[in-house]
Amino acid sequence: MGILEDLADGLARDVLEVASDEDDPLVMELAKTIGATSQTLEEAYLTAIRVRRAERRARALIDRRRASS
């Protein structure tokens, strides 16, 4: 990945680590803070958030399927 994606993914990883749940306002608060100076980084950050959340859901589904087999 390039520097933009690396930075965005690092921020996404860190915020999801401390966020209490999927509705934690910290995710959007950080997006607004980032967007105040870099819309490009904000978009990459929000994409990384969506990708990481989607991966969590997919892995949970796989784990449930394995457990029921």
C-alpha atoms as a PDB file:
ATOM      1  CA  MET A   1       0.000   0.000   0.000  1.00  0.00           C
ATOM      2  CA  GLY A   2       0.968   3.600  -0.384  1.00  0.00           C
ATOM      3  CA  ILE A   3       1.439   6.115   2.386  1.00  0.00           C
ATOM      4  CA  LEU A   4      -2.200   7.269   2.204  1.00  0.00           C
ATOM      5  CA  GLU A   5      -3.611   3.780   2.628  1.00  0.00           C
ATOM      6  CA  ASP A   6      -1.057   2.907   5.314  1.00  0.00           C
ATOM      7  CA  LEU A   7      -1.920   5.987   7.374  1.00  0.00           C
ATOM      8  CA  ALA A   8      -5.669   5.542   6.920  1.00  0.00           C
ATOM      9  CA  ASP A   9      -5.568   1.852   7.803  1.00  0.00           C
ATOM     10  CA  GLY A  10      -3.421   2.509  10.869  1.00  0.00           C
ATOM     11  CA  LEU A  11      -5.872   5.115  12.122  1.00  0.00           C
ATOM     12  CA  ALA A  12      -8.825   2.822  11.399  1.00  0.00           C
ATOM     13  CA  ARG A  13      -7.181  -0.076  13.204  1.00  0.00           C
ATOM     14  CA  ASP A  14      -6.400   2.073  16.239  1.00  0.00           C
ATOM     15  CA  VAL A  15      -9.828   3.683  16.517  1.00  0.00           C
ATOM     16  CA  LEU A  16     -11.654   0.356  16.127  1.00  0.00           C
ATOM     17  CA  GLU A  17      -9.452  -1.055  18.877  1.00  0.00           C
ATOM     18  CA  VAL A  18     -10.666   1.568  21.363  1.00  0.00           C
ATOM     19  CA  ALA A  19     -14.220   2.090  20.065  1.00  0.00           C
ATOM     20  CA  SER A  20     -16.778   0.649  22.456  1.00  0.00           C
ATOM     21  CA  ASP A  21     -19.104  -0.576  19.689  1.00  0.00           C
ATOM     22  CA  GLU A  22     -20.100  -0.001  16.054  1.00  0.00           C
ATOM     23  CA  ASP A  23     -21.954   3.196  16.987  1.00  0.00           C
ATOM     24  CA  ASP A  24     -19.112   4.780  18.954  1.00  0.00           C
ATOM     25  CA  PRO A  25     -19.004   8.472  17.952  1.00  0.00           C
ATOM     26  CA  LEU A  26     -15.200   8.415  18.084  1.00  0.00           C
ATOM     27  CA  VAL A  27     -15.111   6.937  14.565  1.00  0.00           C
ATOM     28  CA  MET A  28     -16.923   9.922  13.034  1.00  0.00           C
ATOM     29  CA  GLU A  29     -15.271  12.450  15.356  1.00  0.00           C
ATOM     30  CA  LEU A  30     -11.891  11.351  14.060  1.00  0.00           C
ATOM     31  CA  ALA A  31     -13.187  11.450  10.464  1.00  0.00           C
ATOM     32  CA  LYS A  32     -14.251  15.076  10.948  1.00  0.00           C
ATOM     33  CA  THR A  33     -10.894  15.967  12.477  1.00  0.00           C
ATOM     34  CA  ILE A  34      -9.028  14.350   9.595  1.00  0.00           C
ATOM     35  CA  GLY A  35     -11.364  15.877   7.005  1.00  0.00           C
ATOM     36  CA  ALA A  36     -10.694  19.380   8.286  1.00  0.00           C
ATOM     37  CA  THR A  37      -7.233  19.175   6.756  1.00  0.00           C
ATOM     38  CA  SER A  38      -7.341  16.306   4.264  1.00  0.00           C
ATOM     39  CA  GLN A  39     -10.488  15.109   2.542  1.00  0.00           C
ATOM     40  CA  THR A  40      -8.423  12.478   0.753  1.00  0.00           C
ATOM     41  CA  LEU A  41      -7.206  10.959   4.015  1.00  0.00           C
ATOM     42  CA  GLU A  42     -10.713  11.170   5.478  1.00  0.00           C
ATOM     43  CA  GLU A  43     -12.142   9.155   2.578  1.00  0.00           C
ATOM     44  CA  ALA A  44      -9.374   6.563   2.823  1.00  0.00           C
ATOM     45  CA  TYR A  45      -9.895   6.317   6.606  1.00  0.00           C
ATOM     46  CA  LEU A  46     -13.651   5.775   6.237  1.00  0.00           C
ATOM     47  CA  THR A  47     -13.003   3.157   3.557  1.00  0.00           C
ATOM     48  CA  ALA A  48     -10.581   1.377   5.887  1.00  0.00           C
ATOM     49  CA  ILE A  49     -13.215   1.481   8.666  1.00  0.00           C
ATOM     50  CA  ARG A  50     -15.803  -0.124   6.360  1.00  0.00           C
ATOM     51  CA  VAL A  51     -13.359  -2.765   5.125  1.00  0.00           C
ATOM     52  CA  ARG A  52     -12.239  -3.718   8.635  1.00  0.00           C
ATOM     53  CA  ARG A  53     -15.842  -3.889   9.910  1.00  0.00           C
ATOM     54  CA  ALA A  54     -16.827  -6.030   6.930  1.00  0.00           C
ATOM     55  CA  GLU A  55     -13.920  -8.356   7.613  1.00  0.00           C
ATOM     56  CA  ARG A  56     -14.982  -8.711  11.271  1.00  0.00           C
ATOM     57  CA  ARG A  57     -18.522  -9.631  10.210  1.00  0.00           C
ATOM     58  CA  ALA A  58     -17.254 -12.112   7.624  1.00  0.00           C
ATOM     59  CA  ARG A  59     -14.920 -13.776  10.110  1.00  0.00           C
ATOM     60  CA  ALA A  60     -17.725 -14.006  12.681  1.00  0.00           C
ATOM     61  CA  LEU A  61     -19.906 -15.753  10.095  1.00  0.00           C
ATOM     62  CA  ILE A  62     -17.116 -18.181   9.249  1.00  0.00           C
ATOM     63  CA  ASP A  63     -16.530 -18.888  12.947  1.00  0.00           C
ATOM     64  CA  ARG A  64     -20.250 -19.571  13.503  1.00  0.00           C
ATOM     65  CA  ARG A  65     -20.332 -21.891  10.521  1.00  0.00           C
ATOM     66  CA  ARG A  66     -17.272 -23.781  11.759  1.00  0.00           C
ATOM     67  CA  ALA A  67     -18.766 -24.081  15.243  1.00  0.00           C
ATOM     68  CA  SER A  68     -22.000 -25.545  13.911  1.00  0.00           C
ATOM     69  CA  SER A  69     -20.247 -28.122  11.709  1.00  0.00           C
END
